mmCIF file of all heavy atoms, coordinates in Angstrom:
data_MODEL
# 
_entry.id   MODEL 
# 
loop_
_atom_site.group_PDB 
_atom_site.id 
_atom_site.type_symbol 
_atom_site.label_atom_id 
_atom_site.label_alt_id 
_atom_site.label_comp_id 
_atom_site.label_asym_id 
_atom_site.label_entity_id 
_atom_site.label_seq_id 
_atom_site.pdbx_PDB_ins_code 
_atom_site.Cartn_x 
_atom_site.Cartn_y 
_atom_site.Cartn_z 
_atom_site.occupancy 
_atom_site.B_iso_or_equiv 
_atom_site.pdbx_formal_charge 
_atom_site.auth_seq_id 
_atom_site.auth_comp_id 
_atom_site.auth_asym_id 
_atom_site.auth_atom_id 
_atom_site.pdbx_PDB_model_num 
ATOM 1   N N   . ASN A 1 1  ? 20.570  46.262 -78.259  1.00 0.00 ? 1  ASN A N   1 
ATOM 2   C CA  . ASN A 1 1  ? 19.711  45.908 -77.124  1.00 0.00 ? 1  ASN A CA  1 
ATOM 3   C C   . ASN A 1 1  ? 18.267  45.602 -77.522  1.00 0.00 ? 1  ASN A C   1 
ATOM 4   O O   . ASN A 1 1  ? 17.382  45.551 -76.658  1.00 0.00 ? 1  ASN A O   1 
ATOM 5   C CB  . ASN A 1 1  ? 19.723  47.011 -76.059  1.00 0.00 ? 1  ASN A CB  1 
ATOM 6   C CG  . ASN A 1 1  ? 21.098  47.238 -75.457  1.00 0.00 ? 1  ASN A CG  1 
ATOM 7   O OD1 . ASN A 1 1  ? 21.823  46.269 -75.179  1.00 0.00 ? 1  ASN A OD1 1 
ATOM 8   N ND2 . ASN A 1 1  ? 21.474  48.496 -75.272  1.00 0.00 ? 1  ASN A ND2 1 
ATOM 9   N N   . ASP A 1 2  ? 18.015  45.398 -78.803  1.00 0.00 ? 2  ASP A N   1 
ATOM 10  C CA  . ASP A 1 2  ? 16.665  45.045 -79.267  1.00 0.00 ? 2  ASP A CA  1 
ATOM 11  C C   . ASP A 1 2  ? 16.723  43.647 -79.876  1.00 0.00 ? 2  ASP A C   1 
ATOM 12  O O   . ASP A 1 2  ? 17.381  43.430 -80.894  1.00 0.00 ? 2  ASP A O   1 
ATOM 13  C CB  . ASP A 1 2  ? 16.186  46.055 -80.309  1.00 0.00 ? 2  ASP A CB  1 
ATOM 14  C CG  . ASP A 1 2  ? 14.741  45.801 -80.732  1.00 0.00 ? 2  ASP A CG  1 
ATOM 15  O OD1 . ASP A 1 2  ? 14.117  44.866 -80.209  1.00 0.00 ? 2  ASP A OD1 1 
ATOM 16  O OD2 . ASP A 1 2  ? 14.245  46.553 -81.594  1.00 0.00 ? 2  ASP A OD2 1 
ATOM 17  N N   . SER A 1 3  ? 16.029  42.707 -79.260  1.00 0.00 ? 3  SER A N   1 
ATOM 18  C CA  . SER A 1 3  ? 16.065  41.324 -79.742  1.00 0.00 ? 3  SER A CA  1 
ATOM 19  C C   . SER A 1 3  ? 14.746  40.870 -80.361  1.00 0.00 ? 3  SER A C   1 
ATOM 20  O O   . SER A 1 3  ? 14.625  39.732 -80.806  1.00 0.00 ? 3  SER A O   1 
ATOM 21  C CB  . SER A 1 3  ? 16.421  40.380 -78.585  1.00 0.00 ? 3  SER A CB  1 
ATOM 22  O OG  . SER A 1 3  ? 15.450  40.481 -77.555  1.00 0.00 ? 3  SER A OG  1 
ATOM 23  N N   . ILE A 1 4  ? 13.741  41.771 -80.406  1.00 0.00 ? 4  ILE A N   1 
ATOM 24  C CA  . ILE A 1 4  ? 12.436  41.400 -80.948  1.00 0.00 ? 4  ILE A CA  1 
ATOM 25  C C   . ILE A 1 4  ? 12.360  41.775 -82.423  1.00 0.00 ? 4  ILE A C   1 
ATOM 26  O O   . ILE A 1 4  ? 12.500  42.938 -82.790  1.00 0.00 ? 4  ILE A O   1 
ATOM 27  C CB  . ILE A 1 4  ? 11.306  42.088 -80.165  1.00 0.00 ? 4  ILE A CB  1 
ATOM 28  C CG1 . ILE A 1 4  ? 11.321  41.634 -78.708  1.00 0.00 ? 4  ILE A CG1 1 
ATOM 29  C CG2 . ILE A 1 4  ? 9.950   41.761 -80.803  1.00 0.00 ? 4  ILE A CG2 1 
ATOM 30  C CD1 . ILE A 1 4  ? 10.319  42.340 -77.830  1.00 0.00 ? 4  ILE A CD1 1 
ATOM 31  N N   . TYR A 1 5  ? 12.125  40.772 -83.246  1.00 0.00 ? 5  TYR A N   1 
ATOM 32  C CA  . TYR A 1 5  ? 11.951  40.984 -84.682  1.00 0.00 ? 5  TYR A CA  1 
ATOM 33  C C   . TYR A 1 5  ? 10.454  41.224 -84.920  1.00 0.00 ? 5  TYR A C   1 
ATOM 34  O O   . TYR A 1 5  ? 9.698   40.283 -85.149  1.00 0.00 ? 5  TYR A O   1 
ATOM 35  C CB  . TYR A 1 5  ? 12.474  39.784 -85.457  1.00 0.00 ? 5  TYR A CB  1 
ATOM 36  C CG  . TYR A 1 5  ? 13.990  39.710 -85.485  1.00 0.00 ? 5  TYR A CG  1 
ATOM 37  C CD1 . TYR A 1 5  ? 14.740  39.562 -84.318  1.00 0.00 ? 5  TYR A CD1 1 
ATOM 38  C CD2 . TYR A 1 5  ? 14.684  39.809 -86.688  1.00 0.00 ? 5  TYR A CD2 1 
ATOM 39  C CE1 . TYR A 1 5  ? 16.127  39.518 -84.331  1.00 0.00 ? 5  TYR A CE1 1 
ATOM 40  C CE2 . TYR A 1 5  ? 16.076  39.758 -86.725  1.00 0.00 ? 5  TYR A CE2 1 
ATOM 41  C CZ  . TYR A 1 5  ? 16.779  39.616 -85.538  1.00 0.00 ? 5  TYR A CZ  1 
ATOM 42  O OH  . TYR A 1 5  ? 18.151  39.578 -85.568  1.00 0.00 ? 5  TYR A OH  1 
ATOM 43  N N   . ASN A 1 6  ? 10.055  42.501 -84.851  1.00 0.00 ? 6  ASN A N   1 
ATOM 44  C CA  . ASN A 1 6  ? 8.637   42.855 -84.833  1.00 0.00 ? 6  ASN A CA  1 
ATOM 45  C C   . ASN A 1 6  ? 7.901   42.529 -86.124  1.00 0.00 ? 6  ASN A C   1 
ATOM 46  O O   . ASN A 1 6  ? 6.694   42.301 -86.103  1.00 0.00 ? 6  ASN A O   1 
ATOM 47  C CB  . ASN A 1 6  ? 8.471   44.345 -84.526  1.00 0.00 ? 6  ASN A CB  1 
ATOM 48  C CG  . ASN A 1 6  ? 9.111   44.730 -83.205  1.00 0.00 ? 6  ASN A CG  1 
ATOM 49  O OD1 . ASN A 1 6  ? 10.322  44.865 -83.115  1.00 0.00 ? 6  ASN A OD1 1 
ATOM 50  N ND2 . ASN A 1 6  ? 8.309   44.901 -82.174  1.00 0.00 ? 6  ASN A ND2 1 
ATOM 51  N N   . GLY A 1 7  ? 8.596   42.544 -87.262  1.00 0.00 ? 7  GLY A N   1 
ATOM 52  C CA  . GLY A 1 7  ? 7.940   42.223 -88.525  1.00 0.00 ? 7  GLY A CA  1 
ATOM 53  C C   . GLY A 1 7  ? 6.802   43.169 -88.861  1.00 0.00 ? 7  GLY A C   1 
ATOM 54  O O   . GLY A 1 7  ? 5.735   42.740 -89.305  1.00 0.00 ? 7  GLY A O   1 
ATOM 55  N N   . ALA A 1 8  ? 7.024   44.457 -88.683  1.00 0.00 ? 8  ALA A N   1 
ATOM 56  C CA  . ALA A 1 8  ? 5.971   45.430 -88.983  1.00 0.00 ? 8  ALA A CA  1 
ATOM 57  C C   . ALA A 1 8  ? 5.614   45.410 -90.468  1.00 0.00 ? 8  ALA A C   1 
ATOM 58  O O   . ALA A 1 8  ? 4.439   45.347 -90.841  1.00 0.00 ? 8  ALA A O   1 
ATOM 59  C CB  . ALA A 1 8  ? 6.412   46.823 -88.562  1.00 0.00 ? 8  ALA A CB  1 
ATOM 60  N N   . ASN A 1 9  ? 6.631   45.457 -91.307  1.00 0.00 ? 9  ASN A N   1 
ATOM 61  C CA  . ASN A 1 9  ? 6.384   45.390 -92.746  1.00 0.00 ? 9  ASN A CA  1 
ATOM 62  C C   . ASN A 1 9  ? 6.134   43.951 -93.186  1.00 0.00 ? 9  ASN A C   1 
ATOM 63  O O   . ASN A 1 9  ? 5.300   43.679 -94.040  1.00 0.00 ? 9  ASN A O   1 
ATOM 64  C CB  . ASN A 1 9  ? 7.567   46.003 -93.505  1.00 0.00 ? 9  ASN A CB  1 
ATOM 65  C CG  . ASN A 1 9  ? 7.227   46.328 -94.941  1.00 0.00 ? 9  ASN A CG  1 
ATOM 66  O OD1 . ASN A 1 9  ? 6.071   46.554 -95.288  1.00 0.00 ? 9  ASN A OD1 1 
ATOM 67  N ND2 . ASN A 1 9  ? 8.231   46.373 -95.791  1.00 0.00 ? 9  ASN A ND2 1 
ATOM 68  N N   . ASP A 1 10 ? 6.863   43.018 -92.580  1.00 0.00 ? 10 ASP A N   1 
ATOM 69  C CA  . ASP A 1 10 ? 6.840   41.600 -92.970  1.00 0.00 ? 10 ASP A CA  1 
ATOM 70  C C   . ASP A 1 10 ? 6.273   40.750 -91.840  1.00 0.00 ? 10 ASP A C   1 
ATOM 71  O O   . ASP A 1 10 ? 7.030   40.254 -91.016  1.00 0.00 ? 10 ASP A O   1 
ATOM 72  C CB  . ASP A 1 10 ? 8.276   41.172 -93.306  1.00 0.00 ? 10 ASP A CB  1 
ATOM 73  C CG  . ASP A 1 10 ? 8.372   39.758 -93.835  1.00 0.00 ? 10 ASP A CG  1 
ATOM 74  O OD1 . ASP A 1 10 ? 7.336   39.186 -94.203  1.00 0.00 ? 10 ASP A OD1 1 
ATOM 75  O OD2 . ASP A 1 10 ? 9.484   39.226 -93.851  1.00 0.00 ? 10 ASP A OD2 1 
ATOM 76  N N   . ASP A 1 11 ? 4.982   40.472 -91.787  1.00 0.00 ? 11 ASP A N   1 
ATOM 77  C CA  . ASP A 1 11 ? 3.982   40.977 -92.701  1.00 0.00 ? 11 ASP A CA  1 
ATOM 78  C C   . ASP A 1 11 ? 2.784   41.485 -91.908  1.00 0.00 ? 11 ASP A C   1 
ATOM 79  O O   . ASP A 1 11 ? 1.652   41.201 -92.252  1.00 0.00 ? 11 ASP A O   1 
ATOM 80  C CB  . ASP A 1 11 ? 3.584   39.877 -93.677  1.00 0.00 ? 11 ASP A CB  1 
ATOM 81  C CG  . ASP A 1 11 ? 2.698   40.376 -94.817  1.00 0.00 ? 11 ASP A CG  1 
ATOM 82  O OD1 . ASP A 1 11 ? 2.786   41.563 -95.158  1.00 0.00 ? 11 ASP A OD1 1 
ATOM 83  O OD2 . ASP A 1 11 ? 1.921   39.585 -95.359  1.00 0.00 ? 11 ASP A OD2 1 
ATOM 84  N N   . ALA A 1 12 ? 3.092   42.221 -90.812  1.00 0.00 ? 12 ALA A N   1 
ATOM 85  C CA  . ALA A 1 12 ? 1.996   42.875 -90.100  1.00 0.00 ? 12 ALA A CA  1 
ATOM 86  C C   . ALA A 1 12 ? 1.285   43.850 -91.029  1.00 0.00 ? 12 ALA A C   1 
ATOM 87  O O   . ALA A 1 12 ? 0.072   44.067 -90.900  1.00 0.00 ? 12 ALA A O   1 
ATOM 88  C CB  . ALA A 1 12 ? 2.512   43.590 -88.864  1.00 0.00 ? 12 ALA A CB  1 
ATOM 89  N N   . SER A 1 13 ? 2.017   44.420 -91.988  1.00 0.00 ? 13 SER A N   1 
ATOM 90  C CA  . SER A 1 13 ? 1.388   45.348 -92.937  1.00 0.00 ? 13 SER A CA  1 
ATOM 91  C C   . SER A 1 13 ? 0.341   44.632 -93.784  1.00 0.00 ? 13 SER A C   1 
ATOM 92  O O   . SER A 1 13 ? -0.768  45.144 -93.983  1.00 0.00 ? 13 SER A O   1 
ATOM 93  C CB  . SER A 1 13 ? 2.444   46.008 -93.819  1.00 0.00 ? 13 SER A CB  1 
ATOM 94  O OG  . SER A 1 13 ? 3.071   45.071 -94.686  1.00 0.00 ? 13 SER A OG  1 
ATOM 95  N N   . GLY A 1 14 ? 0.663   43.458 -94.281  1.00 0.00 ? 14 GLY A N   1 
ATOM 96  C CA  . GLY A 1 14 ? -0.293  42.695 -95.082  1.00 0.00 ? 14 GLY A CA  1 
ATOM 97  C C   . GLY A 1 14 ? -1.477  42.228 -94.264  1.00 0.00 ? 14 GLY A C   1 
ATOM 98  O O   . GLY A 1 14 ? -2.633  42.268 -94.722  1.00 0.00 ? 14 GLY A O   1 
ATOM 99  N N   . THR A 1 15 ? -1.211  41.776 -93.036  1.00 0.00 ? 15 THR A N   1 
ATOM 100 C CA  . THR A 1 15 ? -2.297  41.327 -92.160  1.00 0.00 ? 15 THR A CA  1 
ATOM 101 C C   . THR A 1 15 ? -3.219  42.482 -91.807  1.00 0.00 ? 15 THR A C   1 
ATOM 102 O O   . THR A 1 15 ? -4.447  42.328 -91.755  1.00 0.00 ? 15 THR A O   1 
ATOM 103 C CB  . THR A 1 15 ? -1.716  40.702 -90.879  1.00 0.00 ? 15 THR A CB  1 
ATOM 104 O OG1 . THR A 1 15 ? -0.798  39.663 -91.237  1.00 0.00 ? 15 THR A OG1 1 
ATOM 105 C CG2 . THR A 1 15 ? -2.811  40.118 -90.013  1.00 0.00 ? 15 THR A CG2 1 
ATOM 106 N N   . THR A 1 16 ? -2.640  43.664 -91.586  1.00 0.00 ? 16 THR A N   1 
ATOM 107 C CA  . THR A 1 16 ? -3.439  44.865 -91.351  1.00 0.00 ? 16 THR A CA  1 
ATOM 108 C C   . THR A 1 16 ? -4.354  45.141 -92.538  1.00 0.00 ? 16 THR A C   1 
ATOM 109 O O   . THR A 1 16 ? -5.532  45.493 -92.376  1.00 0.00 ? 16 THR A O   1 
ATOM 110 C CB  . THR A 1 16 ? -2.514  46.073 -91.108  1.00 0.00 ? 16 THR A CB  1 
ATOM 111 O OG1 . THR A 1 16 ? -1.762  45.846 -89.910  1.00 0.00 ? 16 THR A OG1 1 
ATOM 112 C CG2 . THR A 1 16 ? -3.302  47.359 -90.974  1.00 0.00 ? 16 THR A CG2 1 
ATOM 113 N N   . ALA A 1 17 ? -3.823  44.968 -93.742  1.00 0.00 ? 17 ALA A N   1 
ATOM 114 C CA  . ALA A 1 17 ? -4.625  45.174 -94.949  1.00 0.00 ? 17 ALA A CA  1 
ATOM 115 C C   . ALA A 1 17 ? -5.794  44.206 -95.012  1.00 0.00 ? 17 ALA A C   1 
ATOM 116 O O   . ALA A 1 17 ? -6.921  44.589 -95.356  1.00 0.00 ? 17 ALA A O   1 
ATOM 117 C CB  . ALA A 1 17 ? -3.746  45.039 -96.190  1.00 0.00 ? 17 ALA A CB  1 
ATOM 118 N N   . VAL A 1 18 ? -5.539  42.939 -94.686  1.00 0.00 ? 18 VAL A N   1 
ATOM 119 C CA  . VAL A 1 18 ? -6.606  41.928 -94.724  1.00 0.00 ? 18 VAL A CA  1 
ATOM 120 C C   . VAL A 1 18 ? -7.717  42.286 -93.739  1.00 0.00 ? 18 VAL A C   1 
ATOM 121 O O   . VAL A 1 18 ? -8.905  42.187 -94.062  1.00 0.00 ? 18 VAL A O   1 
ATOM 122 C CB  . VAL A 1 18 ? -6.034  40.523 -94.430  1.00 0.00 ? 18 VAL A CB  1 
ATOM 123 C CG1 . VAL A 1 18 ? -7.165  39.507 -94.213  1.00 0.00 ? 18 VAL A CG1 1 
ATOM 124 C CG2 . VAL A 1 18 ? -5.136  40.064 -95.572  1.00 0.00 ? 18 VAL A CG2 1 
ATOM 125 N N   . ILE A 1 19 ? -7.344  42.715 -92.536  1.00 0.00 ? 19 ILE A N   1 
ATOM 126 C CA  . ILE A 1 19 ? -8.341  43.115 -91.542  1.00 0.00 ? 19 ILE A CA  1 
ATOM 127 C C   . ILE A 1 19 ? -9.133  44.329 -92.024  1.00 0.00 ? 19 ILE A C   1 
ATOM 128 O O   . ILE A 1 19 ? -10.365 44.380 -91.914  1.00 0.00 ? 19 ILE A O   1 
ATOM 129 C CB  . ILE A 1 19 ? -7.655  43.404 -90.194  1.00 0.00 ? 19 ILE A CB  1 
ATOM 130 C CG1 . ILE A 1 19 ? -7.110  42.104 -89.591  1.00 0.00 ? 19 ILE A CG1 1 
ATOM 131 C CG2 . ILE A 1 19 ? -8.617  44.080 -89.222  1.00 0.00 ? 19 ILE A CG2 1 
ATOM 132 C CD1 . ILE A 1 19 ? -6.250  42.303 -88.358  1.00 0.00 ? 19 ILE A CD1 1 
ATOM 133 N N   . ALA A 1 20 ? -8.432  45.320 -92.597  1.00 0.00 ? 20 ALA A N   1 
ATOM 134 C CA  . ALA A 1 20 ? -9.112  46.516 -93.108  1.00 0.00 ? 20 ALA A CA  1 
ATOM 135 C C   . ALA A 1 20 ? -10.073 46.169 -94.244  1.00 0.00 ? 20 ALA A C   1 
ATOM 136 O O   . ALA A 1 20 ? -11.189 46.704 -94.321  1.00 0.00 ? 20 ALA A O   1 
ATOM 137 C CB  . ALA A 1 20 ? -8.078  47.536 -93.583  1.00 0.00 ? 20 ALA A CB  1 
ATOM 138 N N   . LEU A 1 21 ? -9.659  45.274 -95.121  1.00 0.00 ? 21 LEU A N   1 
ATOM 139 C CA  . LEU A 1 21 ? -10.499 44.869 -96.245  1.00 0.00 ? 21 LEU A CA  1 
ATOM 140 C C   . LEU A 1 21 ? -11.700 44.057 -95.770  1.00 0.00 ? 21 LEU A C   1 
ATOM 141 O O   . LEU A 1 21 ? -12.796 44.173 -96.335  1.00 0.00 ? 21 LEU A O   1 
ATOM 142 C CB  . LEU A 1 21 ? -9.673  44.071 -97.256  1.00 0.00 ? 21 LEU A CB  1 
ATOM 143 C CG  . LEU A 1 21 ? -8.633  44.889 -98.024  1.00 0.00 ? 21 LEU A CG  1 
ATOM 144 C CD1 . LEU A 1 21 ? -7.621  43.974 -98.699  1.00 0.00 ? 21 LEU A CD1 1 
ATOM 145 C CD2 . LEU A 1 21 ? -9.298  45.796 -99.047  1.00 0.00 ? 21 LEU A CD2 1 
ATOM 146 N N   . ALA A 1 22 ? -11.496 43.248 -94.740  1.00 0.00 ? 22 ALA A N   1 
ATOM 147 C CA  . ALA A 1 22 ? -12.615 42.485 -94.176  1.00 0.00 ? 22 ALA A CA  1 
ATOM 148 C C   . ALA A 1 22 ? -13.688 43.438 -93.643  1.00 0.00 ? 22 ALA A C   1 
ATOM 149 O O   . ALA A 1 22 ? -14.894 43.250 -93.883  1.00 0.00 ? 22 ALA A O   1 
ATOM 150 C CB  . ALA A 1 22 ? -12.120 41.563 -93.070  1.00 0.00 ? 22 ALA A CB  1 
ATOM 151 N N   . LYS A 1 23 ? -13.260 44.454 -92.919  1.00 0.00 ? 23 LYS A N   1 
ATOM 152 C CA  . LYS A 1 23 ? -14.207 45.435 -92.380  1.00 0.00 ? 23 LYS A CA  1 
ATOM 153 C C   . LYS A 1 23 ? -14.897 46.194 -93.512  1.00 0.00 ? 23 LYS A C   1 
ATOM 154 O O   . LYS A 1 23 ? -16.113 46.456 -93.465  1.00 0.00 ? 23 LYS A O   1 
ATOM 155 C CB  . LYS A 1 23 ? -13.478 46.407 -91.451  1.00 0.00 ? 23 LYS A CB  1 
ATOM 156 C CG  . LYS A 1 23 ? -12.949 45.761 -90.179  1.00 0.00 ? 23 LYS A CG  1 
ATOM 157 C CD  . LYS A 1 23 ? -12.160 46.767 -89.346  1.00 0.00 ? 23 LYS A CD  1 
ATOM 158 C CE  . LYS A 1 23 ? -11.643 46.140 -88.065  1.00 0.00 ? 23 LYS A CE  1 
ATOM 159 N NZ  . LYS A 1 23 ? -10.835 47.107 -87.259  1.00 0.00 ? 23 LYS A NZ  1 
ATOM 160 N N   . TYR A 1 24 ? -14.130 46.561 -94.526  1.00 0.00 ? 24 TYR A N   1 
ATOM 161 C CA  . TYR A 1 24 ? -14.671 47.317 -95.657  1.00 0.00 ? 24 TYR A CA  1 
ATOM 162 C C   . TYR A 1 24 ? -15.761 46.526 -96.382  1.00 0.00 ? 24 TYR A C   1 
ATOM 163 O O   . TYR A 1 24 ? -16.877 47.033 -96.597  1.00 0.00 ? 24 TYR A O   1 
ATOM 164 C CB  . TYR A 1 24 ? -13.537 47.666 -96.613  1.00 0.00 ? 24 TYR A CB  1 
ATOM 165 C CG  . TYR A 1 24 ? -13.990 48.166 -97.965  1.00 0.00 ? 24 TYR A CG  1 
ATOM 166 C CD1 . TYR A 1 24 ? -14.477 49.460 -98.126  1.00 0.00 ? 24 TYR A CD1 1 
ATOM 167 C CD2 . TYR A 1 24 ? -13.937 47.340 -99.088  1.00 0.00 ? 24 TYR A CD2 1 
ATOM 168 C CE1 . TYR A 1 24 ? -14.907 49.918 -99.364  1.00 0.00 ? 24 TYR A CE1 1 
ATOM 169 C CE2 . TYR A 1 24 ? -14.364 47.784 -100.320 1.00 0.00 ? 24 TYR A CE2 1 
ATOM 170 C CZ  . TYR A 1 24 ? -14.851 49.077 -100.463 1.00 0.00 ? 24 TYR A CZ  1 
ATOM 171 O OH  . TYR A 1 24 ? -15.268 49.521 -101.684 1.00 0.00 ? 24 TYR A OH  1 
# 
């Protein structure tokens, strides 16, 4: 019953890193 491919690891994780590094 789950049809959303959230892509948490692929690649929300990488995008999160880019945002964190930008702030840093």
